[in-house]
N, C-alpha and C. Protein backbone atom coordinates (compact mmCIF):
# COMPACT_ATOMS: atom_id res chain seq x y z
N MET A 1 -12.22 13.51 -23.26
CA MET A 1 -11.01 12.93 -23.18
C MET A 1 -10.81 11.87 -24.31
N ALA A 2 -9.87 12.11 -25.16
CA ALA A 2 -9.61 11.20 -26.20
C ALA A 2 -8.58 10.09 -25.86
N PHE A 3 -8.88 8.90 -26.22
CA PHE A 3 -7.90 7.89 -25.83
C PHE A 3 -6.85 7.65 -26.86
N GLY A 4 -7.09 7.93 -28.11
CA GLY A 4 -6.17 7.59 -29.10
C GLY A 4 -5.43 8.88 -29.63
N THR A 5 -5.07 9.86 -28.83
CA THR A 5 -4.40 11.00 -29.30
C THR A 5 -2.95 10.72 -29.53
N PHE A 6 -2.35 11.45 -30.47
CA PHE A 6 -0.93 11.22 -30.83
C PHE A 6 -0.10 12.39 -30.21
N ASN A 7 -0.68 13.15 -29.29
CA ASN A 7 0.03 14.29 -28.71
C ASN A 7 0.77 13.66 -27.48
N HIS A 8 2.18 13.45 -27.66
CA HIS A 8 2.84 12.97 -26.62
C HIS A 8 3.40 14.02 -25.71
N HIS A 9 3.27 15.29 -26.03
CA HIS A 9 3.84 16.32 -25.14
C HIS A 9 2.87 16.60 -23.98
N ARG A 10 1.60 16.26 -24.07
CA ARG A 10 0.72 16.47 -23.00
C ARG A 10 0.77 15.41 -22.05
N ASN A 11 0.73 15.71 -20.77
CA ASN A 11 0.81 14.70 -19.76
C ASN A 11 -0.70 14.33 -19.40
N PRO A 12 -1.17 13.12 -19.75
CA PRO A 12 -2.55 12.88 -19.52
C PRO A 12 -2.84 12.70 -18.02
N GLY A 13 -4.05 13.13 -17.52
CA GLY A 13 -4.40 12.99 -16.15
C GLY A 13 -5.02 11.59 -15.91
N PRO A 14 -5.40 11.29 -14.76
CA PRO A 14 -5.96 9.94 -14.50
C PRO A 14 -7.27 9.77 -15.25
N MET A 15 -7.57 8.56 -15.61
CA MET A 15 -8.82 8.27 -16.36
C MET A 15 -9.97 8.26 -15.37
N ALA A 16 -10.97 8.95 -15.60
CA ALA A 16 -12.11 9.09 -14.69
C ALA A 16 -13.27 8.39 -15.26
N ASP A 17 -13.25 7.67 -16.37
CA ASP A 17 -14.44 6.90 -16.92
C ASP A 17 -14.42 5.51 -16.39
N ILE A 18 -15.64 4.99 -16.20
CA ILE A 18 -15.81 3.57 -15.71
C ILE A 18 -16.52 2.81 -16.84
N ASN A 19 -16.04 1.75 -17.22
CA ASN A 19 -16.53 0.97 -18.29
C ASN A 19 -17.66 -0.04 -17.63
N VAL A 20 -19.03 0.24 -17.78
CA VAL A 20 -20.01 -0.45 -17.22
C VAL A 20 -20.59 -1.57 -18.11
N THR A 21 -20.04 -1.69 -19.26
CA THR A 21 -20.52 -2.76 -20.29
C THR A 21 -20.41 -4.15 -19.66
N PRO A 22 -19.25 -4.56 -19.02
CA PRO A 22 -19.27 -5.85 -18.44
C PRO A 22 -20.33 -6.17 -17.28
N MET A 23 -20.47 -5.09 -16.52
CA MET A 23 -21.44 -5.31 -15.45
C MET A 23 -22.83 -5.33 -15.97
N VAL A 24 -23.23 -4.58 -16.96
CA VAL A 24 -24.57 -4.76 -17.59
C VAL A 24 -24.69 -6.11 -18.23
N ASP A 25 -23.69 -6.62 -18.86
CA ASP A 25 -23.72 -7.97 -19.41
C ASP A 25 -23.96 -9.04 -18.37
N VAL A 26 -23.35 -8.96 -17.26
CA VAL A 26 -23.50 -9.92 -16.17
C VAL A 26 -24.86 -9.82 -15.53
N MET A 27 -25.39 -8.50 -15.44
CA MET A 27 -26.69 -8.35 -14.96
C MET A 27 -27.76 -8.92 -15.80
N LEU A 28 -27.60 -8.78 -17.16
CA LEU A 28 -28.53 -9.35 -18.12
C LEU A 28 -28.58 -10.80 -18.12
N VAL A 29 -27.39 -11.39 -17.98
CA VAL A 29 -27.31 -12.87 -17.88
C VAL A 29 -28.01 -13.42 -16.65
N LEU A 30 -27.83 -12.69 -15.51
CA LEU A 30 -28.39 -13.10 -14.34
C LEU A 30 -29.94 -12.89 -14.37
N LEU A 31 -30.46 -11.89 -15.02
CA LEU A 31 -31.87 -11.68 -15.15
C LEU A 31 -32.45 -12.79 -15.99
N VAL A 32 -31.87 -13.18 -17.05
CA VAL A 32 -32.34 -14.27 -17.93
C VAL A 32 -32.32 -15.64 -17.05
N ILE A 33 -31.31 -15.87 -16.30
CA ILE A 33 -31.30 -17.17 -15.55
C ILE A 33 -32.40 -17.10 -14.46
N PHE A 34 -32.67 -15.93 -13.82
CA PHE A 34 -33.78 -15.90 -12.90
C PHE A 34 -35.08 -15.96 -13.49
N ILE A 35 -35.29 -15.49 -14.73
CA ILE A 35 -36.46 -15.56 -15.37
C ILE A 35 -36.78 -17.04 -15.80
N LEU A 36 -35.77 -17.79 -16.21
CA LEU A 36 -35.97 -19.09 -16.57
C LEU A 36 -36.15 -20.05 -15.43
N ALA A 37 -35.52 -19.71 -14.34
CA ALA A 37 -35.52 -20.63 -13.13
C ALA A 37 -36.68 -20.28 -12.30
N ALA A 38 -37.36 -19.18 -12.42
CA ALA A 38 -38.54 -18.84 -11.52
C ALA A 38 -39.63 -19.86 -11.53
N PRO A 39 -40.06 -20.39 -12.69
CA PRO A 39 -41.14 -21.36 -12.67
C PRO A 39 -40.72 -22.75 -11.84
N MET A 40 -39.46 -22.98 -11.74
CA MET A 40 -39.04 -24.17 -11.06
C MET A 40 -39.22 -24.04 -9.57
N PHE A 41 -39.26 -22.79 -9.08
CA PHE A 41 -39.36 -22.64 -7.60
C PHE A 41 -40.68 -22.86 -7.11
N THR A 42 -41.71 -22.70 -7.92
CA THR A 42 -43.04 -22.98 -7.62
C THR A 42 -43.37 -24.38 -8.19
N GLY A 43 -43.45 -25.35 -7.22
CA GLY A 43 -43.72 -26.74 -7.64
C GLY A 43 -45.15 -27.15 -7.47
N SER A 44 -46.03 -26.23 -7.66
CA SER A 44 -47.39 -26.66 -7.45
C SER A 44 -48.05 -26.99 -8.87
N VAL A 45 -49.14 -27.73 -8.64
CA VAL A 45 -50.03 -28.09 -9.83
C VAL A 45 -51.01 -27.03 -10.07
N GLN A 46 -51.14 -26.54 -11.18
CA GLN A 46 -52.07 -25.55 -11.53
C GLN A 46 -53.47 -26.22 -11.69
N LEU A 47 -54.41 -25.93 -10.82
CA LEU A 47 -55.80 -26.50 -10.93
C LEU A 47 -56.76 -25.30 -10.82
N GLU A 48 -57.84 -25.51 -11.65
CA GLU A 48 -58.96 -24.56 -11.56
C GLU A 48 -60.04 -25.25 -10.78
N LEU A 49 -60.21 -25.00 -9.48
CA LEU A 49 -61.12 -25.73 -8.67
C LEU A 49 -62.46 -25.18 -8.82
N PRO A 50 -63.50 -26.03 -8.70
CA PRO A 50 -64.92 -25.47 -8.81
C PRO A 50 -65.23 -24.70 -7.57
N LYS A 51 -66.11 -23.75 -7.85
CA LYS A 51 -66.54 -22.87 -6.70
C LYS A 51 -67.93 -23.18 -6.36
N ALA A 52 -68.28 -23.44 -5.03
CA ALA A 52 -69.64 -23.66 -4.60
C ALA A 52 -69.78 -23.03 -3.16
N GLN A 53 -70.95 -22.71 -2.86
CA GLN A 53 -71.34 -22.18 -1.61
C GLN A 53 -72.31 -23.11 -0.93
N ALA A 54 -71.93 -23.61 0.24
CA ALA A 54 -72.80 -24.49 0.87
C ALA A 54 -72.63 -24.22 2.35
N PRO A 55 -73.73 -24.23 3.17
CA PRO A 55 -73.65 -24.03 4.52
C PRO A 55 -72.78 -25.24 5.24
N ALA A 56 -72.24 -24.98 6.37
CA ALA A 56 -71.63 -26.04 6.99
C ALA A 56 -72.66 -26.98 7.64
N VAL A 57 -72.39 -28.29 7.51
CA VAL A 57 -73.30 -29.32 7.93
C VAL A 57 -72.88 -29.70 9.34
N GLU A 58 -73.83 -29.66 10.26
CA GLU A 58 -73.61 -30.06 11.63
C GLU A 58 -74.03 -31.57 11.61
N SER A 59 -73.11 -32.49 11.75
CA SER A 59 -73.41 -33.90 11.72
C SER A 59 -72.87 -34.43 13.12
N PRO A 60 -73.61 -35.34 13.68
CA PRO A 60 -73.20 -35.96 14.91
C PRO A 60 -71.95 -36.65 14.65
N PRO A 61 -71.02 -36.76 15.60
CA PRO A 61 -69.84 -37.45 15.44
C PRO A 61 -70.09 -38.92 15.17
N ALA A 62 -69.48 -39.54 14.11
CA ALA A 62 -69.73 -40.85 13.78
C ALA A 62 -68.91 -41.76 14.71
N ALA A 63 -69.41 -42.93 14.96
CA ALA A 63 -68.74 -43.92 15.73
C ALA A 63 -67.52 -44.44 14.99
N THR A 64 -66.58 -44.89 15.67
CA THR A 64 -65.39 -45.47 15.11
C THR A 64 -65.21 -46.93 15.57
N VAL A 65 -64.69 -47.59 14.66
CA VAL A 65 -64.38 -49.08 14.94
C VAL A 65 -62.92 -49.27 14.66
N THR A 66 -62.24 -49.75 15.63
CA THR A 66 -60.78 -50.05 15.50
C THR A 66 -60.55 -51.46 15.08
N LEU A 67 -60.00 -51.63 13.85
CA LEU A 67 -59.64 -52.95 13.35
C LEU A 67 -58.20 -53.04 13.51
N SER A 68 -57.64 -53.87 14.40
CA SER A 68 -56.16 -54.14 14.62
C SER A 68 -55.74 -55.45 14.08
N ILE A 69 -54.54 -55.33 13.53
CA ILE A 69 -53.99 -56.67 12.92
C ILE A 69 -52.55 -56.69 13.50
N ASP A 70 -52.35 -57.88 14.22
CA ASP A 70 -51.06 -58.03 14.79
C ASP A 70 -50.07 -58.63 13.72
N GLY A 71 -48.79 -58.77 14.15
CA GLY A 71 -47.77 -59.27 13.28
C GLY A 71 -48.03 -60.69 12.68
N LYS A 72 -48.82 -61.43 13.37
CA LYS A 72 -49.11 -62.82 12.88
C LYS A 72 -50.30 -62.87 12.06
N GLY A 73 -51.01 -61.70 11.81
CA GLY A 73 -52.16 -61.75 11.03
C GLY A 73 -53.48 -61.89 11.75
N LYS A 74 -53.47 -61.87 13.00
CA LYS A 74 -54.67 -62.03 13.78
C LYS A 74 -55.44 -60.68 13.89
N ILE A 75 -56.78 -60.73 13.63
CA ILE A 75 -57.58 -59.50 13.43
C ILE A 75 -58.35 -59.23 14.85
N PHE A 76 -58.36 -58.03 15.25
CA PHE A 76 -59.10 -57.72 16.44
C PHE A 76 -60.14 -56.56 16.14
N TRP A 77 -61.37 -56.71 16.55
CA TRP A 77 -62.46 -55.70 16.30
C TRP A 77 -62.57 -55.03 17.68
N ASN A 78 -62.15 -53.71 17.83
CA ASN A 78 -62.22 -53.05 19.07
C ASN A 78 -61.58 -53.86 20.24
N SER A 79 -60.45 -54.38 20.06
CA SER A 79 -59.68 -55.18 20.99
C SER A 79 -60.23 -56.61 21.25
N ASP A 80 -61.25 -56.98 20.54
CA ASP A 80 -61.78 -58.40 20.67
C ASP A 80 -61.27 -59.20 19.39
N PRO A 81 -60.72 -60.36 19.70
CA PRO A 81 -60.26 -61.17 18.50
C PRO A 81 -61.45 -61.72 17.74
N VAL A 82 -61.31 -61.71 16.39
CA VAL A 82 -62.46 -62.08 15.56
C VAL A 82 -61.87 -62.96 14.44
N GLU A 83 -62.65 -63.95 14.02
CA GLU A 83 -62.22 -64.78 12.84
C GLU A 83 -62.86 -64.15 11.56
N GLN A 84 -62.53 -64.67 10.48
CA GLN A 84 -62.84 -64.10 9.18
C GLN A 84 -64.40 -64.00 8.97
N ASP A 85 -65.12 -65.08 9.32
CA ASP A 85 -66.55 -65.13 9.17
C ASP A 85 -67.23 -64.02 10.02
N ALA A 86 -66.74 -64.01 11.31
CA ALA A 86 -67.34 -63.06 12.26
C ALA A 86 -67.01 -61.63 11.89
N LEU A 87 -65.84 -61.47 11.20
CA LEU A 87 -65.48 -60.12 10.73
C LEU A 87 -66.41 -59.73 9.61
N THR A 88 -66.73 -60.53 8.72
CA THR A 88 -67.59 -60.15 7.58
C THR A 88 -69.05 -59.89 8.14
N ALA A 89 -69.52 -60.61 9.16
CA ALA A 89 -70.79 -60.33 9.65
C ALA A 89 -70.80 -58.98 10.37
N ARG A 90 -69.73 -58.66 11.09
CA ARG A 90 -69.68 -57.26 11.81
C ARG A 90 -69.54 -56.21 10.75
N LEU A 91 -68.83 -56.41 9.68
CA LEU A 91 -68.78 -55.42 8.64
C LEU A 91 -70.05 -55.11 8.01
N VAL A 92 -70.80 -56.17 7.70
CA VAL A 92 -72.16 -56.12 7.16
C VAL A 92 -73.09 -55.15 8.06
N ALA A 93 -72.95 -55.60 9.39
CA ALA A 93 -73.75 -54.93 10.40
C ALA A 93 -73.45 -53.34 10.50
N ALA A 94 -72.07 -53.21 10.53
CA ALA A 94 -71.65 -51.74 10.53
C ALA A 94 -72.05 -50.96 9.31
N ALA A 95 -72.07 -51.55 8.17
CA ALA A 95 -72.47 -50.78 6.95
C ALA A 95 -73.94 -50.40 6.98
N LYS A 96 -74.73 -51.08 7.73
CA LYS A 96 -76.20 -50.77 7.81
C LYS A 96 -76.45 -49.70 8.80
N LEU A 97 -75.43 -49.35 9.59
CA LEU A 97 -75.65 -48.25 10.62
C LEU A 97 -75.85 -46.84 9.92
N ASP A 98 -76.52 -45.98 10.43
CA ASP A 98 -76.62 -44.51 9.89
C ASP A 98 -76.27 -43.54 11.09
N PRO A 99 -75.17 -42.86 10.93
CA PRO A 99 -74.21 -42.85 9.96
C PRO A 99 -73.29 -44.03 10.07
N GLN A 100 -72.55 -44.29 8.96
CA GLN A 100 -71.61 -45.44 9.06
C GLN A 100 -70.46 -45.03 9.95
N PRO A 101 -70.02 -46.04 10.67
CA PRO A 101 -68.74 -45.78 11.44
C PRO A 101 -67.52 -45.66 10.60
N GLU A 102 -66.56 -44.98 11.10
CA GLU A 102 -65.27 -44.95 10.41
C GLU A 102 -64.45 -46.12 10.95
N LEU A 103 -63.82 -46.88 9.96
CA LEU A 103 -62.89 -47.97 10.38
C LEU A 103 -61.49 -47.42 10.47
N GLN A 104 -60.87 -47.54 11.66
CA GLN A 104 -59.53 -47.19 11.89
C GLN A 104 -58.68 -48.42 11.92
N LEU A 105 -57.91 -48.51 10.90
CA LEU A 105 -57.07 -49.81 10.64
C LEU A 105 -55.72 -49.59 11.32
N ARG A 106 -55.38 -50.29 12.26
CA ARG A 106 -54.03 -50.43 12.90
C ARG A 106 -53.41 -51.74 12.63
N ALA A 107 -52.34 -51.68 11.88
CA ALA A 107 -51.62 -52.86 11.49
C ALA A 107 -50.23 -52.73 11.94
N ASP A 108 -49.74 -53.93 12.54
CA ASP A 108 -48.30 -53.94 12.98
C ASP A 108 -47.47 -53.81 11.76
N LYS A 109 -46.25 -53.28 12.05
CA LYS A 109 -45.39 -53.14 10.96
C LYS A 109 -44.83 -54.46 10.40
N ASP A 110 -44.92 -55.47 11.08
CA ASP A 110 -44.56 -56.86 10.58
C ASP A 110 -45.69 -57.56 9.88
N THR A 111 -46.84 -56.96 9.82
CA THR A 111 -48.10 -57.54 9.24
C THR A 111 -47.81 -57.69 7.63
N ARG A 112 -48.22 -58.85 7.14
CA ARG A 112 -48.13 -59.08 5.66
C ARG A 112 -49.19 -58.16 5.02
N TYR A 113 -48.70 -57.60 3.90
CA TYR A 113 -49.56 -56.68 3.14
C TYR A 113 -50.93 -57.40 2.67
N GLU A 114 -50.78 -58.68 2.49
CA GLU A 114 -51.88 -59.46 1.96
C GLU A 114 -53.05 -59.43 2.91
N VAL A 115 -52.76 -59.52 4.17
CA VAL A 115 -53.81 -59.55 5.22
C VAL A 115 -54.48 -58.16 5.34
N VAL A 116 -53.65 -57.12 5.24
CA VAL A 116 -54.14 -55.80 5.24
C VAL A 116 -55.10 -55.47 3.98
N ALA A 117 -54.58 -56.01 2.92
CA ALA A 117 -55.50 -55.84 1.65
C ALA A 117 -56.74 -56.61 1.68
N GLN A 118 -56.73 -57.78 2.29
CA GLN A 118 -57.91 -58.56 2.43
C GLN A 118 -58.93 -57.93 3.37
N VAL A 119 -58.44 -57.32 4.46
CA VAL A 119 -59.42 -56.64 5.36
C VAL A 119 -59.98 -55.40 4.64
N MET A 120 -59.21 -54.68 3.91
CA MET A 120 -59.61 -53.55 3.19
C MET A 120 -60.69 -53.87 2.10
N ALA A 121 -60.43 -54.98 1.44
CA ALA A 121 -61.32 -55.45 0.35
C ALA A 121 -62.62 -55.94 1.02
N ALA A 122 -62.61 -56.59 2.15
CA ALA A 122 -63.75 -57.02 2.82
C ALA A 122 -64.63 -55.85 3.26
N ALA A 123 -64.01 -54.85 3.82
CA ALA A 123 -64.73 -53.63 4.19
C ALA A 123 -65.42 -52.97 3.00
N GLN A 124 -64.71 -52.81 1.91
CA GLN A 124 -65.27 -52.18 0.75
C GLN A 124 -66.37 -52.99 0.10
N SER A 125 -66.19 -54.31 0.00
CA SER A 125 -67.20 -55.18 -0.57
C SER A 125 -68.45 -55.34 0.25
N ASN A 126 -68.37 -54.99 1.56
CA ASN A 126 -69.53 -55.04 2.45
C ASN A 126 -70.19 -53.79 2.53
N GLY A 127 -69.74 -52.64 1.78
CA GLY A 127 -70.41 -51.40 1.87
C GLY A 127 -69.86 -50.26 2.73
N LEU A 128 -68.66 -50.53 3.35
CA LEU A 128 -68.10 -49.46 4.27
C LEU A 128 -67.13 -48.65 3.48
N THR A 129 -67.38 -47.36 3.54
CA THR A 129 -66.56 -46.41 2.70
C THR A 129 -65.54 -45.62 3.43
N LYS A 130 -65.64 -45.44 4.71
CA LYS A 130 -64.73 -44.66 5.53
C LYS A 130 -63.64 -45.47 6.27
N LEU A 131 -62.43 -45.37 5.70
CA LEU A 131 -61.35 -46.17 6.22
C LEU A 131 -60.18 -45.29 6.52
N GLY A 132 -59.53 -45.31 7.60
CA GLY A 132 -58.46 -44.60 7.96
C GLY A 132 -57.28 -45.45 8.53
N PHE A 133 -56.11 -45.07 8.33
CA PHE A 133 -54.87 -45.77 8.81
C PHE A 133 -54.34 -45.11 10.14
N VAL A 134 -54.09 -45.73 11.11
CA VAL A 134 -53.57 -45.25 12.32
C VAL A 134 -52.06 -45.54 12.52
N THR A 135 -51.22 -44.48 12.69
CA THR A 135 -49.85 -44.73 12.86
C THR A 135 -49.42 -44.01 14.14
N ASP A 136 -48.24 -44.40 14.64
CA ASP A 136 -47.64 -43.64 15.74
C ASP A 136 -46.82 -42.56 15.21
N PRO A 137 -46.83 -41.45 15.93
CA PRO A 137 -46.06 -40.32 15.45
C PRO A 137 -44.61 -40.59 15.52
N LYS A 138 -43.82 -40.09 14.55
CA LYS A 138 -42.33 -40.29 14.60
C LYS A 138 -41.73 -39.74 15.77
N LYS A 139 -40.94 -40.49 16.53
CA LYS A 139 -40.21 -40.07 17.66
C LYS A 139 -38.93 -39.47 17.32
N GLU A 140 -38.67 -38.40 18.10
CA GLU A 140 -37.45 -37.69 17.82
C GLU A 140 -36.16 -38.50 18.22
N GLN A 141 -35.20 -38.54 17.43
CA GLN A 141 -33.99 -39.27 17.60
C GLN A 141 -33.01 -38.35 18.25
N LYS A 142 -32.22 -38.85 19.18
CA LYS A 142 -31.26 -38.03 19.87
C LYS A 142 -29.87 -38.43 19.42
């Protein structure tokens, strides 16, 4: 079927051709957008981790020591109030145990950061390496 004919005596029928060029253009643009956007969907850091095979080590459960700090900066060792000198002596004694106990640090939300940092520094300087922070789970709001 010719589009540019000069024969006006013929009655042309309905055009049965579909122009797919705009659809192909749109699909190619979408393909390029998805190819460029695909790396942004994976927000992971590419690491090449070392491979090692080691059997699982069965170790006895280590003891835990709970260090609590209230809002006023008062320090508690397993619910017993302690002063700074006694805390240092207990940290030294705990560092000599085998295996070392894990320190679970529970600090009130109103506690000054300075007190928490001093307790952490005292634990590290006396040889304790296992320290964990204890928090309350987030409560559902209604």
